[in-house]
Structures are given as structure tokens and as C-alpha cells.
Amino acid sequence: MRKINQIFSKSGVRVVIRDNKIQVTGNEKDKRRLISHFIMEEAPHHFVDRSLLTQNFNRADVEQIEQIIKEELAPSTLKLNDYALINLMMHLLIMIQSLHHDDTLLSRDAYSSWLNTYDAAIVTKIIKRIENVFNLILNKHEREEIHMLFHANVDHLPLSDRDKLTTTVGDNIVRAMNSLFAEVQHIFGIDLDNDYFVFPFSLHLDKLFSRAMQGSSLNSPLTESLKQDFPVVFELAVFVSFRLSQLLHIPITEGERAYIALHIGAELDRQKQHSEKIRTAIFSPNYMNLNTQLYQHVSKQFEHDLNVVALVNDPSELDKLDVSLLITTVPQASSMAYRVVTISPFMTSKEKSTIMATIEEHRCNVQRNFLRRYFDIYFGEQFFFTLQPIMQRDQVVTLMCDQLERRHIVSPSFRQHVFEREEAAGTAFGTVALPHSVYMEARQTTFSVGIAKNSIRWGERRVNIVVLAAISQNDQQRFMRLYEALITMFSEPQVATALARVRNFEQFKNVVKTNM
């Protein structure tokens, strides 16, 4: 119970036992935020990828769609990152499968233009190739939806065409989605009301509604595997399907629910990947389209580091931003809420270096905060050792593993796996060794620490600090972040020097927390 409350300490909730029942105490907002955290922790990584597409659709269809898109976009200025490509392919494959079952979209009088003339011409060529390859004839509304799909995925420029969306899919779909998103946010703490999800999902929901009105539906072989392999996603999909069925007054079958689960899983995956990036806003006056060009330049240059969530040209909007970094072409006052980096509209090489330095500084702070959060949970006095100069690698590993076994943290096979990992490649970095098993086999995650005043031999190297990691399956996703944080901190010369002087766990703890 103490360990659980240490984990929950920053969330504002506590776990208590009352009348022989475990209860979670705290205000409702904090409880829901905690639920959201757990959902994202369990959310799959790369939920929708090529392998999942080939499981659910004909492999040849998947390969042909990918080939058509890549060949037509190659000579153009339109670009898709891997996530956007897979997301676009998924929607097109669902559309093709639906059309093969004669589920044509209901036509509307309204028609919107989503892309500029140049981009629209490229997408029109893609549509013609899809019609030829898959022997289809798309009506005007279906063609528009493909244009909208490209608009929602290409370059991931923040969209602002919600009015067009209502015209395209109908007011009933938009109202149902708005109600649904509010409920999902209220109950699960998950925000689905963002353009990256809303635009593609509204298209899918519009097609689902059309099928239901025609008395048909899509089947999916993935229902059971989704239920078993991704229970969190499936549970969310069940709720979403149930509420949409009520809001739209239509039946939603298990097969349709599986496709809803694909959309939700892909969105949770996107949010999870983006959560590891720095939430960033760009402030630049809207002059000669320079702000859009800057957005595209920054997004492409730092696509693995920054999640650009807003493109702002009105100073009054700055106070509303929920970001960690503001990149601006107009000097702004410093803020307690986010870092500010001022650049020119054309972003010089020197300015790129400044942004990169800010990113690295932010990463270090995130690592330290992460280590600070979990230090008291994973480190303990009973797993602290003072190492003698005559000791060598195998003796140290044996000493630490013996203690872990006595405490029933690991089984006897753990030490063998640690030695196997060492033989494969040494784990010494400078004066620090971080031995570990390649398997997540500990009953609970525990870090054993050994400090040597005078360095000891570790294979071909000499080290002063040894940190043996025993990781449980539950902490699999945290391991690499902890591993990287420890390497970063212990590799700093002043930290390594200070640690070499410590003689007990309290001194070790003080040095680490002082440098967090």
C-alpha cells in the first residue's frame, strides 16, 4: 500500500483500506486524471501498423494502396510521415471493403473543397488509380471524403475547418461526436476532440451511419484478438459504440465495433507517441503565408522531438496555450508556463542549434523529474553495498543477486541472465556499470547500488558505481527511460566524483536528489 501511494503521490489521490475494502480517495478530477494516465500507460505502441492492416485486409490490397500513394506523392511536395501513411491506408482500405459490399455513401447536395488546386490534382490521380486497380466507381461524396482524408493527414497542419466538417458529414454526426467526446473526457479523462482524430473518425462514422441506414454492416476478423490483446482499447470502443448507438439511433455490430477500436487504438497510440515529444506552439504573424511555411519547416526539422499543437498569430491566444515550448518570430516576454525561443521567419542554422539545445535541456529536466518520481520506490537501503577494491564484476553481481533472491525479488535464473547480458556486451559507461537481464522477470522493480571508493575491475573497464536493475513486467515501458536517466546523471563528472565518496545509502540518496 505504501508503494502504491508513493506512485500516486503526485496525482493527488491516495489508496486506503476502509471496512476491509480498498478505496481510492481524492477529488473526482484527480481520480479521472489518474484513470487517463493508466489508460495511456497500457495503450499499445504502434497499435495500427502494416502487420495489423494485413491481418484485417487482403495483403495484396494493402500493398497496392501503399504503392499507389507513394508513387503519386513521390514527385510532389505533399509528404506523409509513417503514422499518417498508415492512418490514411487504414481509412482507404475500410472504404474499399465497404464499397465491395455495395455500401455506397448516401449522396448530399453539399460539396466542399478541402485542398488547393495543385494538391487536389494529385489526390484526383490517386483516386483514378484506386478506381482502376480495385474496379470501383466512386461517387462525388466518396471522392470528397478521400480529399478530406488527405487534408487531415498530409503534413499534419493544425486544421480549422470544423464548419466544412458539418457540411460534409451532417449536423447529426457532429452533434453525436461532440456529446460522445465530452463523455469520454468526463469518464475516462481521454481527449478525443482533436483534429487528427475528429476528421478521419467523422468520415468513418458517416459511412457507418450510411451502412446502418441501409441495413448493412462491416465484419472484422479482429474482434476476439482485440478483446484479448488490447482490453483497454476494446473497453473504450464498447463504451463509444454503445453511446453512438444511442445518440444516432442505429445498431452497431461487433464487426463495426472492431473498426471503431482500430480508430481509438490508433489515436491513443498517436497521443502516446506525441506525449514523449515536447508540446510546442509557433507564434508568427500571418504574412505572405510565412507562418505556414515556418510551421512546416519546424515540424519537418524536429519531427522526432517536437509535437507542434498550435500555430498562433494573435497575441491574445498565448495565455491559453498548454505547451512547454513557444517558438516565436516576434520577441515575447518570458513565461513561467513555457520556454520561449525567438527565431526569424526563415529559421537560420544558428537558430536551429538554439532550438536543439532547448530540446536537450528539456529532455534532461524530464529525465530528472522521472527519476525523482520513482527513486524512493525503486531504491532502498537493503540493496545498497559498499564495494571492496579487490572485488571484480562476477563477485559484485553475485553479491547483489544473492540479496535479491533472499528478498524474493528474483528467481535464481536472474543472475545467469545478467551474466549472459554482460557477455553479449559490457554495460560499463565511463565509471558506471549498469548490469541487467534482458528479461523483465523481477517480481517488483528494484535497483541495487554498489559504490567503490577505489575503482574495481569490470571486464576490460574500471568503474566506481554499479547499479544492477531488476525490472518487473509491469515496468517494461519505464525501463528504458529509467536506464537513460541513470546513465545521463551518473555520467556527469561532478556526480560520479561525489558518488565515489559516499559510504551509506543516505549519502547516496542525498547526492542523487541534489543533482536531480
Protein backbone atom coordinates (compact mmCIF):
# COMPACT_ATOMS: atom_id res chain seq x y z
CA MET A 1 0.00 0.00 0.00
CA ARG A 2 2.88 2.34 0.81
CA LYS A 3 4.45 1.68 -2.60
CA ILE A 4 1.15 2.37 -4.36
CA ASN A 5 0.70 5.68 -2.53
CA GLN A 6 4.28 6.67 -3.41
CA ILE A 7 3.41 6.15 -7.07
CA PHE A 8 0.17 8.13 -6.65
CA SER A 9 1.78 10.90 -4.56
CA LYS A 10 1.92 13.41 -7.42
CA SER A 11 -1.62 12.64 -8.59
CA GLY A 12 -3.46 13.98 -5.53
CA VAL A 13 -5.13 10.66 -4.68
CA ARG A 14 -4.46 8.02 -2.02
CA VAL A 15 -5.35 4.35 -1.62
CA VAL A 16 -6.76 3.44 1.81
CA ILE A 17 -8.41 0.43 3.45
CA ARG A 18 -11.83 1.05 4.98
CA ASP A 19 -14.14 -1.70 6.24
CA ASN A 20 -11.86 -4.32 4.65
CA LYS A 21 -12.24 -2.64 1.27
CA ILE A 22 -9.60 -0.86 -0.80
CA GLN A 23 -10.75 2.65 -1.68
CA VAL A 24 -9.25 5.48 -3.72
CA THR A 25 -9.64 8.87 -2.04
CA GLY A 26 -9.24 12.31 -3.59
CA ASN A 27 -11.26 14.74 -5.67
CA GLU A 28 -13.06 13.47 -8.74
CA LYS A 29 -10.92 15.43 -11.20
CA ASP A 30 -7.69 13.88 -9.88
CA LYS A 31 -9.22 10.39 -9.95
CA ARG A 32 -10.18 10.78 -13.59
CA ARG A 33 -6.76 12.17 -14.45
CA LEU A 34 -5.25 9.05 -12.86
CA ILE A 35 -7.57 6.80 -14.91
CA SER A 36 -6.44 8.63 -18.04
CA HIS A 37 -2.80 8.07 -17.04
CA PHE A 38 -3.33 4.32 -16.65
CA ILE A 39 -5.17 4.05 -19.96
CA MET A 40 -2.28 5.76 -21.75
CA GLU A 41 0.26 3.59 -19.87
CA GLU A 42 -1.48 0.46 -21.15
CA ALA A 43 -2.18 1.83 -24.61
CA PRO A 44 -0.41 -0.18 -27.30
CA HIS A 45 2.66 1.14 -29.05
CA HIS A 46 2.35 1.23 -32.86
CA PHE A 47 -1.22 -0.09 -32.50
CA VAL A 48 -2.05 0.20 -36.20
CA ASP A 49 0.87 -0.84 -38.36
CA ARG A 50 1.29 -2.75 -41.62
CA SER A 51 1.06 -6.14 -39.89
CA LEU A 52 -2.32 -5.26 -38.39
CA LEU A 53 -3.54 -3.98 -41.76
CA THR A 54 -2.53 -7.22 -43.49
CA GLN A 55 -4.27 -9.24 -40.76
CA ASN A 56 -7.54 -7.42 -41.32
CA PHE A 57 -7.42 -6.73 -45.06
CA ASN A 58 -6.21 -8.53 -48.14
CA ARG A 59 -2.40 -8.30 -48.21
CA ALA A 60 -2.37 -7.51 -51.94
CA ASP A 61 -4.84 -4.65 -51.37
CA VAL A 62 -2.64 -3.22 -48.60
CA GLU A 63 0.46 -3.36 -50.81
CA GLN A 64 -1.33 -1.84 -53.81
CA ILE A 65 -2.77 1.06 -51.80
CA GLU A 66 0.66 1.83 -50.32
CA GLN A 67 2.30 1.65 -53.75
CA ILE A 68 -0.27 3.97 -55.35
CA ILE A 69 0.06 6.60 -52.62
CA LYS A 70 3.86 6.55 -52.55
CA GLU A 71 4.27 6.64 -56.33
CA GLU A 72 1.89 9.58 -56.81
CA LEU A 73 3.27 11.60 -53.88
CA ALA A 74 6.96 10.99 -54.70
CA PRO A 75 7.34 13.78 -57.32
CA SER A 76 5.07 16.19 -55.42
CA THR A 77 5.56 18.46 -52.43
CA LEU A 78 2.94 16.54 -50.42
CA LYS A 79 4.57 14.46 -47.68
CA LEU A 80 3.26 11.82 -45.28
CA ASN A 81 5.10 10.59 -42.21
CA ASP A 82 4.82 6.88 -41.33
CA TYR A 83 1.95 7.36 -38.90
CA ALA A 84 -0.05 9.47 -41.38
CA LEU A 85 0.55 6.95 -44.18
CA ILE A 86 -0.69 4.00 -42.12
CA ASN A 87 -3.65 6.04 -40.87
CA LEU A 88 -4.60 7.06 -44.42
CA MET A 89 -4.22 3.49 -45.72
CA MET A 90 -6.49 2.16 -42.97
CA HIS A 91 -9.30 4.57 -43.91
CA LEU A 92 -8.98 3.87 -47.63
CA LEU A 93 -8.99 0.09 -47.07
CA ILE A 94 -12.13 0.33 -44.94
CA MET A 95 -13.77 2.42 -47.67
CA ILE A 96 -12.79 -0.08 -50.38
CA GLN A 97 -14.06 -3.02 -48.34
CA SER A 98 -17.35 -1.22 -47.79
CA LEU A 99 -17.75 -0.44 -51.49
CA HIS A 100 -17.03 -4.05 -52.42
CA HIS A 101 -20.07 -4.90 -50.29
CA ASP A 102 -22.13 -2.40 -52.33
CA ASP A 103 -22.36 0.02 -49.38
CA THR A 104 -22.23 3.27 -51.37
CA LEU A 105 -22.27 6.52 -49.41
CA LEU A 106 -25.51 8.45 -49.43
CA SER A 107 -25.03 11.47 -51.69
CA ARG A 108 -25.54 15.01 -50.40
CA ASP A 109 -26.14 18.27 -52.17
CA ALA A 110 -23.31 19.99 -50.31
CA TYR A 111 -19.78 19.74 -51.63
CA SER A 112 -16.63 21.28 -50.12
CA SER A 113 -13.15 21.95 -51.46
CA TRP A 114 -10.58 20.72 -48.94
CA LEU A 115 -7.31 21.04 -50.87
CA ASN A 116 -5.73 23.68 -53.06
CA THR A 117 -5.77 23.12 -56.83
CA TYR A 118 -2.26 21.62 -57.03
CA ASP A 119 -2.76 19.18 -54.16
CA ALA A 120 -6.27 18.29 -55.31
CA ALA A 121 -4.95 17.30 -58.75
CA ILE A 122 -2.52 14.83 -57.17
CA VAL A 123 -5.23 13.29 -54.99
CA THR A 124 -7.53 13.05 -58.01
CA LYS A 125 -4.86 10.99 -59.80
CA ILE A 126 -4.66 8.70 -56.76
CA ILE A 127 -8.46 8.29 -56.82
CA LYS A 128 -8.41 7.34 -60.52
CA ARG A 129 -5.73 4.71 -59.89
CA ILE A 130 -7.69 3.30 -56.95
CA GLU A 131 -10.80 3.07 -59.15
CA ASN A 132 -8.86 1.27 -61.89
CA VAL A 133 -6.96 -1.14 -59.63
CA PHE A 134 -9.94 -2.06 -57.45
CA ASN A 135 -12.58 -1.88 -60.20
CA LEU A 136 -14.63 0.78 -58.42
CA ILE A 137 -16.64 3.84 -59.37
CA LEU A 138 -16.66 6.45 -56.60
CA ASN A 139 -19.46 8.97 -56.35
CA LYS A 140 -18.86 12.67 -55.76
CA HIS A 141 -19.25 12.38 -52.00
CA GLU A 142 -16.77 9.50 -51.73
CA ARG A 143 -14.24 11.42 -53.79
CA GLU A 144 -14.61 14.39 -51.47
CA GLU A 145 -14.02 12.16 -48.46
CA ILE A 146 -10.71 10.96 -49.91
CA HIS A 147 -9.71 14.60 -50.45
CA MET A 148 -10.64 15.27 -46.83
CA LEU A 149 -8.59 12.28 -45.65
CA PHE A 150 -5.51 13.67 -47.36
CA HIS A 151 -6.26 17.11 -45.94
CA ALA A 152 -6.36 15.57 -42.45
CA ASN A 153 -3.13 13.59 -42.83
CA VAL A 154 -0.72 15.42 -45.13
CA ASP A 155 1.86 17.40 -43.14
CA HIS A 156 -0.43 17.34 -40.08
CA LEU A 157 -1.01 21.10 -40.26
CA PRO A 158 -3.44 22.08 -37.47
CA LEU A 159 -6.85 22.20 -39.12
CA SER A 160 -9.57 24.80 -38.69
CA ASP A 161 -12.35 23.60 -40.97
CA ARG A 162 -14.93 22.34 -38.46
CA ASP A 163 -17.65 24.27 -40.35
CA LYS A 164 -16.80 22.35 -43.51
CA LEU A 165 -16.94 19.14 -41.50
CA THR A 166 -20.57 19.80 -40.53
CA THR A 167 -21.42 20.41 -44.18
CA THR A 168 -19.70 17.19 -45.23
CA VAL A 169 -20.91 14.63 -42.68
CA GLY A 170 -24.07 16.28 -41.40
CA ASP A 171 -25.09 18.04 -38.22
CA ASN A 172 -26.35 14.82 -36.59
CA ILE A 173 -22.90 13.19 -36.82
CA VAL A 174 -21.12 16.27 -35.46
CA ARG A 175 -23.55 16.67 -32.55
CA ALA A 176 -23.24 12.98 -31.66
CA MET A 177 -19.44 13.21 -31.72
CA ASN A 178 -19.39 16.33 -29.57
CA SER A 179 -21.59 14.67 -26.94
CA LEU A 180 -19.52 11.49 -27.08
CA PHE A 181 -16.17 13.27 -26.75
CA ALA A 182 -17.40 15.21 -23.72
CA GLU A 183 -18.49 11.97 -22.04
CA VAL A 184 -15.21 10.17 -22.82
CA GLN A 185 -13.27 13.12 -21.39
CA HIS A 186 -15.50 13.21 -18.29
CA ILE A 187 -15.44 9.46 -17.56
CA PHE A 188 -12.05 8.29 -18.86
CA GLY A 189 -10.03 11.51 -18.93
CA ILE A 190 -9.13 10.88 -22.59
CA ASP A 191 -9.32 13.81 -25.03
CA LEU A 192 -10.51 12.62 -28.44
CA ASP A 193 -11.66 16.07 -29.54
CA ASN A 194 -8.67 16.97 -31.69
CA ASP A 195 -8.48 17.45 -35.43
CA TYR A 196 -6.19 14.47 -36.00
CA PHE A 197 -8.93 12.16 -34.69
CA VAL A 198 -12.13 14.12 -35.38
CA PHE A 199 -11.76 14.46 -39.16
CA PRO A 200 -10.96 10.82 -40.06
CA PHE A 201 -13.31 9.40 -37.41
CA SER A 202 -16.20 11.59 -38.58
CA LEU A 203 -15.77 10.17 -42.09
CA HIS A 204 -15.82 6.64 -40.73
CA LEU A 205 -18.85 7.39 -38.56
CA ASP A 206 -20.66 8.92 -41.53
CA LYS A 207 -20.07 5.73 -43.54
CA LEU A 208 -21.09 3.58 -40.57
CA PHE A 209 -24.32 5.59 -40.28
CA SER A 210 -25.00 5.16 -44.01
CA ARG A 211 -24.47 1.39 -43.77
CA ALA A 212 -26.78 1.13 -40.77
CA MET A 213 -29.50 3.11 -42.57
CA GLN A 214 -29.19 0.67 -45.50
CA GLY A 215 -29.37 -2.32 -43.13
CA SER A 216 -25.79 -3.49 -43.70
CA SER A 217 -22.54 -3.56 -41.71
CA LEU A 218 -18.86 -4.49 -41.95
CA ASN A 219 -17.46 -7.67 -40.45
CA SER A 220 -13.99 -7.92 -38.92
CA PRO A 221 -11.88 -10.97 -38.01
CA LEU A 222 -10.14 -8.90 -35.33
CA THR A 223 -12.93 -8.75 -32.75
CA GLU A 224 -11.64 -11.54 -30.50
CA SER A 225 -7.95 -10.65 -30.85
CA LEU A 226 -8.65 -7.00 -29.99
CA LYS A 227 -10.65 -8.07 -26.95
CA GLN A 228 -7.83 -10.33 -25.76
CA ASP A 229 -4.72 -8.36 -26.76
CA PHE A 230 -5.92 -4.78 -26.20
CA PRO A 231 -8.54 -4.88 -23.42
CA VAL A 232 -8.24 -1.17 -22.60
CA VAL A 233 -8.83 -0.14 -26.21
CA PHE A 234 -11.66 -2.64 -26.57
CA GLU A 235 -13.37 -1.44 -23.38
CA LEU A 236 -13.25 2.14 -24.63
CA ALA A 237 -14.60 1.01 -28.02
CA VAL A 238 -17.51 -0.78 -26.31
CA PHE A 239 -18.46 2.43 -24.49
CA VAL A 240 -18.09 4.55 -27.64
CA SER A 241 -20.18 2.10 -29.70
CA PHE A 242 -22.89 1.93 -27.05
CA ARG A 243 -23.23 5.70 -26.79
CA LEU A 244 -23.10 6.26 -30.56
CA SER A 245 -25.81 3.65 -30.99
CA GLN A 246 -27.99 5.61 -28.57
CA LEU A 247 -27.13 9.06 -29.93
CA LEU A 248 -27.64 8.13 -33.60
CA HIS A 249 -30.43 5.58 -33.05
CA ILE A 250 -28.67 2.89 -35.07
CA PRO A 251 -27.44 -0.64 -34.32
CA ILE A 252 -23.65 -1.09 -34.15
CA THR A 253 -22.48 -4.67 -34.70
CA GLU A 254 -19.38 -6.37 -33.28
CA GLY A 255 -17.63 -6.02 -36.62
CA GLU A 256 -18.29 -2.29 -36.73
CA ARG A 257 -17.15 -2.04 -33.11
CA ALA A 258 -13.82 -3.61 -34.08
CA TYR A 259 -13.24 -0.86 -36.65
CA ILE A 260 -14.11 1.75 -34.02
CA ALA A 261 -11.49 0.07 -31.79
CA LEU A 262 -8.94 0.45 -34.61
CA HIS A 263 -9.59 4.19 -34.76
CA ILE A 264 -9.40 4.61 -30.98
CA GLY A 265 -6.27 2.45 -30.67
CA ALA A 266 -4.54 4.41 -33.42
CA GLU A 267 -5.41 7.70 -31.69
CA LEU A 268 -4.20 6.50 -28.27
CA ASP A 269 -1.00 5.34 -29.97
CA ARG A 270 -0.59 8.77 -31.62
CA GLN A 271 -1.18 10.56 -28.32
CA LYS A 272 1.24 8.26 -26.53
CA GLN A 273 3.98 8.86 -29.10
CA HIS A 274 3.36 12.60 -29.06
CA SER A 275 3.33 12.67 -25.25
CA GLU A 276 7.04 11.83 -25.38
CA LYS A 277 7.63 14.86 -27.58
CA ILE A 278 7.67 18.47 -26.40
CA ARG A 279 4.30 20.20 -26.79
CA THR A 280 5.14 23.25 -28.87
CA ALA A 281 3.34 26.29 -30.25
CA ILE A 282 4.55 28.60 -33.02
CA PHE A 283 3.71 32.30 -32.89
CA SER A 284 4.14 34.14 -36.18
CA PRO A 285 2.07 36.87 -37.89
CA ASN A 286 0.13 35.66 -40.91
CA TYR A 287 2.04 37.44 -43.69
CA MET A 288 2.54 36.01 -47.20
CA ASN A 289 1.91 32.52 -45.82
CA LEU A 290 5.24 32.67 -43.95
CA ASN A 291 3.68 31.29 -40.76
CA THR A 292 2.51 28.13 -42.54
CA GLN A 293 5.91 27.68 -44.18
CA LEU A 294 7.61 28.09 -40.80
CA TYR A 295 5.25 25.53 -39.25
CA GLN A 296 6.07 23.00 -41.95
CA HIS A 297 9.80 23.71 -41.67
CA VAL A 298 9.87 23.32 -37.88
CA SER A 299 7.66 20.22 -37.95
CA LYS A 300 9.87 18.52 -40.52
CA GLN A 301 13.18 19.57 -38.95
CA PHE A 302 12.20 18.43 -35.44
CA GLU A 303 9.54 15.79 -36.18
CA HIS A 304 11.05 13.34 -33.68
CA ASP A 305 11.34 15.91 -30.88
CA LEU A 306 8.50 18.43 -31.12
CA ASN A 307 4.74 17.99 -31.18
CA VAL A 308 3.57 21.27 -32.71
CA VAL A 309 0.00 21.61 -31.47
CA ALA A 310 -0.78 25.23 -32.32
CA LEU A 311 0.03 27.84 -34.95
CA VAL A 312 -0.85 31.22 -33.42
CA ASN A 313 -0.91 34.72 -34.93
CA ASP A 314 -2.96 36.54 -32.28
CA PRO A 315 -1.05 37.57 -29.10
CA SER A 316 -4.23 37.18 -27.02
CA GLU A 317 -4.13 33.42 -27.68
CA LEU A 318 -0.75 32.96 -25.98
CA ASP A 319 -2.24 32.88 -22.47
CA LYS A 320 -4.48 29.97 -23.48
CA LEU A 321 -1.62 27.73 -24.63
CA ASP A 322 -0.94 24.41 -22.91
CA VAL A 323 2.62 23.90 -24.15
CA SER A 324 6.16 23.54 -22.86
CA LEU A 325 7.86 25.48 -25.67
CA LEU A 326 6.93 28.58 -27.67
CA ILE A 327 8.84 29.27 -30.88
CA THR A 328 8.15 32.84 -31.95
CA THR A 329 9.21 35.23 -34.68
CA VAL A 330 8.18 38.19 -32.51
CA PRO A 331 10.02 38.76 -29.19
CA GLN A 332 7.84 37.73 -26.25
CA ALA A 333 8.17 38.19 -22.51
CA SER A 334 9.49 35.17 -20.63
CA SER A 335 6.83 32.89 -19.17
CA MET A 336 6.64 30.58 -16.18
CA ALA A 337 4.41 28.25 -18.21
CA TYR A 338 6.76 27.55 -21.13
CA ARG A 339 10.22 28.19 -22.59
CA VAL A 340 10.45 30.88 -25.27
CA VAL A 341 12.79 30.69 -28.27
CA THR A 342 12.83 33.64 -30.69
CA ILE A 343 13.80 32.97 -34.30
CA SER A 344 13.50 34.64 -37.70
CA PRO A 345 10.69 33.59 -40.10
CA PHE A 346 13.24 31.62 -42.12
CA MET A 347 14.99 29.81 -39.21
CA THR A 348 18.76 30.01 -39.65
CA SER A 349 21.24 27.24 -38.82
CA LYS A 350 22.20 29.03 -35.62
CA GLU A 351 18.54 29.23 -34.59
CA LYS A 352 18.11 25.51 -35.29
CA SER A 353 21.01 24.87 -32.91
CA THR A 354 19.32 27.04 -30.27
CA ILE A 355 16.10 25.05 -30.58
CA MET A 356 18.04 21.78 -30.38
CA ALA A 357 19.85 22.95 -27.24
CA THR A 358 16.49 23.85 -25.68
CA ILE A 359 15.17 20.40 -26.57
CA GLU A 360 18.17 18.72 -24.92
CA GLU A 361 17.77 20.84 -21.80
CA HIS A 362 14.08 19.94 -21.64
CA ARG A 363 14.90 16.23 -22.02
CA CYS A 364 17.36 16.39 -19.14
CA ASN A 365 14.74 18.05 -16.94
CA VAL A 366 12.17 15.39 -17.89
CA GLN A 367 14.66 12.63 -17.07
CA ARG A 368 15.43 14.16 -13.68
CA ASN A 369 11.74 14.58 -12.87
CA PHE A 370 11.10 10.98 -13.88
CA LEU A 371 13.95 9.73 -11.67
CA ARG A 372 12.76 11.94 -8.80
CA ARG A 373 9.28 10.45 -9.03
CA TYR A 374 10.42 6.82 -8.85
CA PHE A 375 13.62 6.97 -6.77
CA ASP A 376 12.05 6.14 -3.39
CA ILE A 377 10.03 3.34 -4.97
CA TYR A 378 12.86 1.52 -6.74
CA PHE A 379 15.89 2.23 -4.50
CA GLY A 380 16.24 1.04 -0.89
CA GLU A 381 18.84 0.80 1.89
CA GLN A 382 18.72 -3.02 1.95
CA PHE A 383 20.01 -3.03 -1.63
CA PHE A 384 22.97 -0.68 -1.06
CA PHE A 385 26.52 -2.11 -0.95
CA THR A 386 30.00 -0.75 -0.25
CA LEU A 387 32.38 -2.49 -2.64
CA GLN A 388 35.95 -3.50 -1.77
CA PRO A 389 38.80 -2.72 -4.21
CA ILE A 390 39.65 -6.43 -4.63
CA MET A 391 36.16 -7.27 -5.90
CA GLN A 392 35.50 -7.88 -9.59
CA ARG A 393 32.44 -7.94 -11.80
CA ASP A 394 31.21 -11.50 -11.15
CA GLN A 395 31.58 -11.15 -7.39
CA VAL A 396 29.58 -7.92 -7.37
CA VAL A 397 26.78 -9.39 -9.50
CA THR A 398 26.64 -12.48 -7.26
CA LEU A 399 26.54 -10.37 -4.09
CA MET A 400 23.66 -8.27 -5.39
CA CYS A 401 21.71 -11.21 -6.84
CA ASP A 402 22.00 -13.15 -3.56
CA GLN A 403 20.31 -10.29 -1.74
CA LEU A 404 17.58 -10.00 -4.38
CA GLU A 405 16.91 -13.75 -4.13
CA ARG A 406 16.78 -13.65 -0.32
CA ARG A 407 14.16 -10.90 -0.58
CA HIS A 408 12.23 -12.97 -3.16
CA ILE A 409 12.59 -10.23 -5.76
CA VAL A 410 14.08 -12.53 -8.42
CA SER A 411 14.49 -16.25 -9.10
CA PRO A 412 17.92 -17.99 -9.30
CA SER A 413 17.84 -17.79 -13.10
CA PHE A 414 18.09 -14.00 -12.93
CA ARG A 415 21.84 -13.92 -12.22
CA GLN A 416 22.53 -16.21 -15.16
CA HIS A 417 20.59 -13.86 -17.41
CA VAL A 418 22.60 -10.90 -16.07
CA PHE A 419 25.87 -12.70 -16.88
CA GLU A 420 24.55 -13.58 -20.35
CA ARG A 421 23.79 -9.91 -20.97
CA GLU A 422 27.30 -8.91 -19.82
CA GLU A 423 28.91 -11.46 -22.13
CA ALA A 424 26.88 -10.16 -25.07
CA ALA A 425 28.06 -6.58 -24.49
CA GLY A 426 29.57 -4.87 -21.47
CA THR A 427 27.33 -2.48 -19.55
CA ALA A 428 30.06 -0.12 -18.31
CA PHE A 429 29.70 3.54 -19.31
CA GLY A 430 32.64 5.62 -18.13
CA THR A 431 32.94 4.94 -14.39
CA VAL A 432 29.42 3.48 -14.12
CA ALA A 433 28.21 -0.08 -14.77
CA LEU A 434 24.51 -0.80 -15.25
CA PRO A 435 24.15 -4.61 -15.40
CA HIS A 436 20.70 -6.08 -16.07
CA SER A 437 18.86 -9.04 -17.54
CA VAL A 438 17.32 -8.80 -21.00
CA TYR A 439 14.14 -10.25 -19.47
CA MET A 440 11.58 -8.36 -17.38
CA GLU A 441 11.49 -11.11 -14.73
CA ALA A 442 11.59 -9.42 -11.30
CA ARG A 443 8.57 -9.67 -9.01
CA GLN A 444 8.95 -5.95 -8.35
CA THR A 445 11.34 -3.46 -9.91
CA THR A 446 14.41 -2.94 -7.73
CA PHE A 447 17.74 -1.18 -8.28
CA SER A 448 20.74 -2.46 -6.31
CA VAL A 449 23.60 0.02 -5.86
CA GLY A 450 27.27 -0.66 -5.21
CA ILE A 451 29.82 2.11 -4.56
CA ALA A 452 33.60 1.61 -4.65
CA LYS A 453 35.90 4.31 -3.24
CA ASN A 454 38.69 2.95 -5.42
CA SER A 455 37.60 1.63 -8.80
CA ILE A 456 37.03 -2.09 -9.34
CA ARG A 457 37.59 -4.15 -12.47
CA TRP A 458 34.53 -4.59 -14.67
CA GLY A 459 35.57 -6.72 -17.62
CA GLU A 460 38.04 -4.59 -19.56
CA ARG A 461 36.97 -1.42 -17.75
CA ARG A 462 37.22 0.03 -14.25
CA VAL A 463 34.18 1.52 -12.50
CA ASN A 464 33.27 3.16 -9.20
CA ILE A 465 29.50 2.79 -9.39
CA VAL A 466 27.43 -0.33 -10.09
CA VAL A 467 23.65 -0.20 -10.45
CA LEU A 468 22.01 -3.60 -11.01
CA ALA A 469 18.50 -3.29 -12.48
CA ALA A 470 15.90 -5.98 -11.77
CA ILE A 471 12.81 -4.99 -13.77
CA SER A 472 9.27 -6.35 -13.49
CA GLN A 473 6.97 -6.83 -16.47
CA ASN A 474 4.76 -4.02 -15.16
CA ASP A 475 7.63 -1.53 -15.55
CA GLN A 476 8.71 -2.66 -19.00
CA GLN A 477 7.81 0.67 -20.61
CA ARG A 478 9.57 2.67 -17.90
CA PHE A 479 12.81 0.70 -18.00
CA MET A 480 14.48 2.49 -20.93
CA ARG A 481 13.54 5.90 -19.52
CA LEU A 482 15.00 4.97 -16.12
CA TYR A 483 18.06 3.43 -17.77
CA GLU A 484 18.71 6.55 -19.85
CA ALA A 485 18.12 8.85 -16.87
CA LEU A 486 20.62 6.94 -14.71
CA ILE A 487 23.28 6.89 -17.44
CA THR A 488 22.83 10.63 -18.04
CA MET A 489 23.07 11.55 -14.36
CA PHE A 490 25.85 9.17 -13.28
CA SER A 491 27.96 10.04 -16.33
CA GLU A 492 28.25 13.68 -15.23
CA PRO A 493 31.79 14.06 -13.78
CA GLN A 494 30.73 16.00 -10.68
CA VAL A 495 28.04 13.43 -9.85
CA ALA A 496 30.38 10.47 -10.38
CA THR A 497 33.04 12.12 -8.17
CA ALA A 498 30.52 12.84 -5.40
CA LEU A 499 29.10 9.30 -5.54
CA ALA A 500 32.55 7.74 -5.22
CA ARG A 501 32.83 9.36 -1.77
CA VAL A 502 29.54 8.09 -0.29
CA ARG A 503 29.62 5.35 2.36
CA ASN A 504 25.94 4.66 3.06
CA PHE A 505 22.54 4.78 1.43
CA GLU A 506 21.51 8.14 2.92
CA GLN A 507 24.61 9.81 1.48
CA PHE A 508 23.90 8.18 -1.90
CA LYS A 509 20.29 9.36 -1.77
CA ASN A 510 21.35 12.93 -0.92
CA VAL A 511 23.82 13.10 -3.82
CA VAL A 512 21.28 11.79 -6.33
CA LYS A 513 18.44 14.03 -5.18
CA THR A 514 20.70 17.08 -5.04
CA ASN A 515 21.56 16.56 -8.70
CA MET A 516 18.03 15.83 -9.91
